[in-house]
N, C-alpha and C. Protein backbone atom coordinates (compact mmCIF):
# COMPACT_ATOMS: atom_id res chain seq x y z
N MET A 1 -2.40 1.66 -24.58
CA MET A 1 -2.40 1.86 -23.15
C MET A 1 -3.83 2.00 -22.65
N GLU A 2 -4.04 1.50 -21.45
CA GLU A 2 -5.35 1.63 -20.82
C GLU A 2 -5.60 3.08 -20.42
N PRO A 3 -6.87 3.47 -20.34
CA PRO A 3 -7.18 4.87 -19.98
C PRO A 3 -6.61 5.28 -18.62
N LEU A 4 -6.64 4.39 -17.64
CA LEU A 4 -6.11 4.73 -16.32
C LEU A 4 -4.61 5.02 -16.40
N ILE A 5 -3.89 4.22 -17.14
CA ILE A 5 -2.45 4.42 -17.29
C ILE A 5 -2.18 5.75 -18.00
N MET A 6 -2.99 6.04 -19.00
CA MET A 6 -2.81 7.30 -19.72
C MET A 6 -3.07 8.50 -18.82
N ILE A 7 -4.05 8.39 -17.94
CA ILE A 7 -4.35 9.48 -17.01
C ILE A 7 -3.21 9.68 -16.02
N VAL A 8 -2.70 8.58 -15.47
CA VAL A 8 -1.58 8.67 -14.52
C VAL A 8 -0.35 9.25 -15.21
N ALA A 9 -0.06 8.79 -16.41
CA ALA A 9 1.09 9.31 -17.16
C ALA A 9 0.91 10.80 -17.44
N LEU A 10 -0.29 11.21 -17.79
CA LEU A 10 -0.56 12.62 -18.05
C LEU A 10 -0.38 13.46 -16.79
N LEU A 11 -0.84 12.96 -15.66
CA LEU A 11 -0.68 13.69 -14.40
C LEU A 11 0.79 13.84 -14.02
N ILE A 12 1.56 12.79 -14.24
CA ILE A 12 3.00 12.88 -13.97
C ILE A 12 3.64 13.90 -14.90
N ASP A 13 3.28 13.87 -16.18
CA ASP A 13 3.81 14.84 -17.14
C ASP A 13 3.45 16.27 -16.76
N LEU A 14 2.22 16.48 -16.33
CA LEU A 14 1.79 17.82 -15.91
C LEU A 14 2.57 18.29 -14.69
N TYR A 15 2.84 17.38 -13.75
CA TYR A 15 3.59 17.76 -12.56
C TYR A 15 5.03 18.12 -12.92
N VAL A 16 5.61 17.39 -13.86
CA VAL A 16 6.95 17.72 -14.33
C VAL A 16 6.95 19.12 -14.96
N PHE A 17 5.90 19.44 -15.71
CA PHE A 17 5.76 20.77 -16.30
C PHE A 17 5.71 21.84 -15.21
N VAL A 18 4.99 21.59 -14.13
CA VAL A 18 4.91 22.54 -13.02
C VAL A 18 6.28 22.70 -12.36
N LEU A 19 7.02 21.60 -12.22
CA LEU A 19 8.38 21.69 -11.68
C LEU A 19 9.28 22.53 -12.58
N LEU A 20 9.16 22.33 -13.88
CA LEU A 20 9.94 23.14 -14.83
C LEU A 20 9.58 24.62 -14.71
N ALA A 21 8.30 24.90 -14.56
CA ALA A 21 7.87 26.29 -14.39
C ALA A 21 8.47 26.88 -13.12
N ARG A 22 8.54 26.10 -12.08
CA ARG A 22 9.12 26.58 -10.82
C ARG A 22 10.58 26.96 -11.01
N VAL A 23 11.28 26.20 -11.82
CA VAL A 23 12.70 26.47 -12.05
C VAL A 23 12.89 27.63 -13.04
N LEU A 24 12.11 27.65 -14.11
CA LEU A 24 12.38 28.59 -15.20
C LEU A 24 11.76 29.98 -15.02
N LEU A 25 10.59 30.08 -14.42
CA LEU A 25 9.93 31.39 -14.32
C LEU A 25 10.75 32.43 -13.56
N PRO A 26 11.42 32.08 -12.47
CA PRO A 26 12.26 33.10 -11.82
C PRO A 26 13.40 33.59 -12.72
N LEU A 27 13.87 32.73 -13.62
CA LEU A 27 14.94 33.16 -14.53
C LEU A 27 14.45 34.24 -15.50
N PHE A 28 13.14 34.27 -15.74
CA PHE A 28 12.55 35.28 -16.61
C PHE A 28 11.98 36.46 -15.83
N GLY A 29 12.34 36.54 -14.55
CA GLY A 29 11.99 37.70 -13.76
C GLY A 29 10.70 37.62 -12.96
N MET A 30 10.05 36.45 -12.93
CA MET A 30 8.81 36.36 -12.15
C MET A 30 9.16 36.26 -10.66
N SER A 31 8.56 37.13 -9.89
CA SER A 31 8.82 37.17 -8.45
C SER A 31 8.23 35.96 -7.74
N ARG A 32 8.90 35.57 -6.68
CA ARG A 32 8.40 34.47 -5.85
C ARG A 32 7.05 34.83 -5.22
N TYR A 33 6.78 36.11 -5.13
CA TYR A 33 5.56 36.57 -4.47
C TYR A 33 4.39 36.75 -5.44
N HIS A 34 4.62 36.51 -6.71
CA HIS A 34 3.54 36.55 -7.71
C HIS A 34 2.56 35.42 -7.39
N SER A 35 1.28 35.66 -7.60
CA SER A 35 0.26 34.67 -7.22
C SER A 35 0.45 33.34 -7.96
N ALA A 36 0.88 33.39 -9.23
CA ALA A 36 1.11 32.14 -9.97
C ALA A 36 2.28 31.36 -9.36
N MET A 37 3.33 32.09 -8.97
CA MET A 37 4.47 31.41 -8.36
C MET A 37 4.10 30.83 -6.99
N GLN A 38 3.27 31.52 -6.25
CA GLN A 38 2.86 30.99 -4.95
C GLN A 38 2.07 29.71 -5.13
N LEU A 39 1.21 29.64 -6.16
CA LEU A 39 0.49 28.41 -6.45
C LEU A 39 1.46 27.29 -6.83
N ILE A 40 2.44 27.61 -7.66
CA ILE A 40 3.43 26.61 -8.07
C ILE A 40 4.20 26.11 -6.84
N PHE A 41 4.57 27.00 -5.95
CA PHE A 41 5.28 26.59 -4.74
C PHE A 41 4.40 25.69 -3.88
N GLN A 42 3.11 26.02 -3.76
CA GLN A 42 2.20 25.18 -2.97
C GLN A 42 2.07 23.78 -3.57
N LEU A 43 2.12 23.69 -4.89
CA LEU A 43 1.98 22.39 -5.55
C LEU A 43 3.26 21.56 -5.49
N THR A 44 4.40 22.22 -5.50
CA THR A 44 5.66 21.48 -5.61
C THR A 44 6.39 21.27 -4.28
N GLU A 45 6.19 22.15 -3.35
CA GLU A 45 6.96 22.07 -2.09
C GLU A 45 6.74 20.75 -1.33
N PRO A 46 5.53 20.16 -1.31
CA PRO A 46 5.39 18.88 -0.60
C PRO A 46 6.25 17.76 -1.17
N VAL A 47 6.62 17.84 -2.43
CA VAL A 47 7.50 16.83 -3.03
C VAL A 47 8.97 17.23 -2.87
N LEU A 48 9.28 18.51 -3.03
CA LEU A 48 10.67 18.94 -3.02
C LEU A 48 11.27 19.00 -1.62
N GLU A 49 10.49 19.35 -0.64
CA GLU A 49 11.03 19.51 0.73
C GLU A 49 11.62 18.21 1.27
N PRO A 50 10.97 17.05 1.13
CA PRO A 50 11.61 15.81 1.60
C PRO A 50 12.87 15.45 0.81
N ILE A 51 12.89 15.79 -0.47
CA ILE A 51 14.08 15.52 -1.27
C ILE A 51 15.24 16.38 -0.79
N ARG A 52 14.97 17.63 -0.41
CA ARG A 52 16.02 18.52 0.10
C ARG A 52 16.65 18.00 1.39
N ARG A 53 15.88 17.25 2.17
CA ARG A 53 16.44 16.68 3.40
C ARG A 53 17.47 15.61 3.08
N VAL A 54 17.34 14.97 1.92
CA VAL A 54 18.25 13.88 1.54
C VAL A 54 19.37 14.38 0.64
N VAL A 55 19.04 15.26 -0.30
CA VAL A 55 20.02 15.76 -1.27
C VAL A 55 20.42 17.17 -0.86
N PRO A 56 21.67 17.35 -0.43
CA PRO A 56 22.09 18.69 -0.03
C PRO A 56 22.25 19.60 -1.25
N PRO A 57 22.15 20.92 -1.04
CA PRO A 57 22.33 21.85 -2.16
C PRO A 57 23.78 21.80 -2.67
N ALA A 58 23.94 22.03 -3.95
CA ALA A 58 25.28 22.08 -4.57
C ALA A 58 25.64 23.56 -4.73
N GLY A 59 26.29 24.09 -3.71
CA GLY A 59 26.58 25.52 -3.73
C GLY A 59 25.29 26.30 -3.59
N MET A 60 25.05 27.19 -4.54
CA MET A 60 23.82 27.97 -4.48
C MET A 60 22.70 27.34 -5.30
N PHE A 61 22.92 26.15 -5.83
CA PHE A 61 21.92 25.48 -6.67
C PHE A 61 21.12 24.46 -5.88
N ASP A 62 19.82 24.51 -6.04
CA ASP A 62 18.91 23.54 -5.44
C ASP A 62 18.67 22.44 -6.46
N LEU A 63 19.16 21.25 -6.17
CA LEU A 63 19.04 20.13 -7.10
C LEU A 63 17.75 19.35 -6.93
N SER A 64 16.95 19.69 -5.93
CA SER A 64 15.75 18.90 -5.66
C SER A 64 14.76 18.86 -6.83
N PRO A 65 14.54 19.93 -7.61
CA PRO A 65 13.63 19.79 -8.75
C PRO A 65 14.13 18.77 -9.79
N MET A 66 15.44 18.76 -10.03
CA MET A 66 15.99 17.81 -10.99
C MET A 66 15.84 16.38 -10.48
N VAL A 67 16.11 16.17 -9.20
CA VAL A 67 15.94 14.84 -8.61
C VAL A 67 14.48 14.41 -8.68
N ALA A 68 13.57 15.33 -8.39
CA ALA A 68 12.14 15.01 -8.46
C ALA A 68 11.74 14.63 -9.88
N MET A 69 12.25 15.36 -10.88
CA MET A 69 11.90 15.03 -12.27
C MET A 69 12.43 13.66 -12.67
N ILE A 70 13.62 13.33 -12.21
CA ILE A 70 14.18 12.00 -12.51
C ILE A 70 13.34 10.92 -11.85
N LEU A 71 12.99 11.12 -10.58
CA LEU A 71 12.17 10.14 -9.87
C LEU A 71 10.79 9.98 -10.52
N LEU A 72 10.21 11.09 -10.97
CA LEU A 72 8.92 11.01 -11.64
C LEU A 72 9.02 10.30 -12.99
N ALA A 73 10.12 10.51 -13.70
CA ALA A 73 10.32 9.80 -14.97
C ALA A 73 10.44 8.30 -14.73
N VAL A 74 11.17 7.91 -13.68
CA VAL A 74 11.30 6.49 -13.34
C VAL A 74 9.94 5.93 -12.94
N LEU A 75 9.20 6.67 -12.11
CA LEU A 75 7.87 6.23 -11.68
C LEU A 75 6.95 6.05 -12.88
N ARG A 76 6.98 7.00 -13.79
CA ARG A 76 6.13 6.92 -14.99
C ARG A 76 6.48 5.69 -15.82
N ARG A 77 7.77 5.45 -15.98
CA ARG A 77 8.20 4.29 -16.78
C ARG A 77 7.81 2.98 -16.10
N VAL A 78 7.98 2.91 -14.78
CA VAL A 78 7.62 1.70 -14.05
C VAL A 78 6.11 1.45 -14.14
N LEU A 79 5.33 2.49 -13.90
CA LEU A 79 3.87 2.33 -13.95
C LEU A 79 3.38 1.93 -15.34
N THR A 80 3.89 2.58 -16.36
CA THR A 80 3.46 2.23 -17.71
C THR A 80 3.98 0.86 -18.12
N GLY A 81 5.15 0.47 -17.59
CA GLY A 81 5.67 -0.86 -17.89
C GLY A 81 4.91 -1.96 -17.19
N LEU A 82 4.53 -1.72 -15.94
CA LEU A 82 3.79 -2.73 -15.17
C LEU A 82 2.35 -2.84 -15.63
N LEU A 83 1.73 -1.70 -15.86
CA LEU A 83 0.31 -1.70 -16.17
C LEU A 83 0.03 -1.68 -17.67
N GLY A 84 1.03 -1.39 -18.46
CA GLY A 84 0.80 -1.23 -19.90
C GLY A 84 1.02 -2.45 -20.62
């Protein structure tokens, strides 16, 4: 793979990791008001908020992080397939 493709793939992977942190850290008791969580919210909300407008919540569950991860996986595969 070319270096540019590797960098883009790495950035997508890192963003997926941040999305996972957003979902999992509250399950381990981290408050939404913790400074690390506020940073995670600032990084992820610009992607998740438009998805929430399209995908309604399933009961009390917010499916937007899962949808975002799927879309990012598709984007990563398309980019690496086209450019790789």
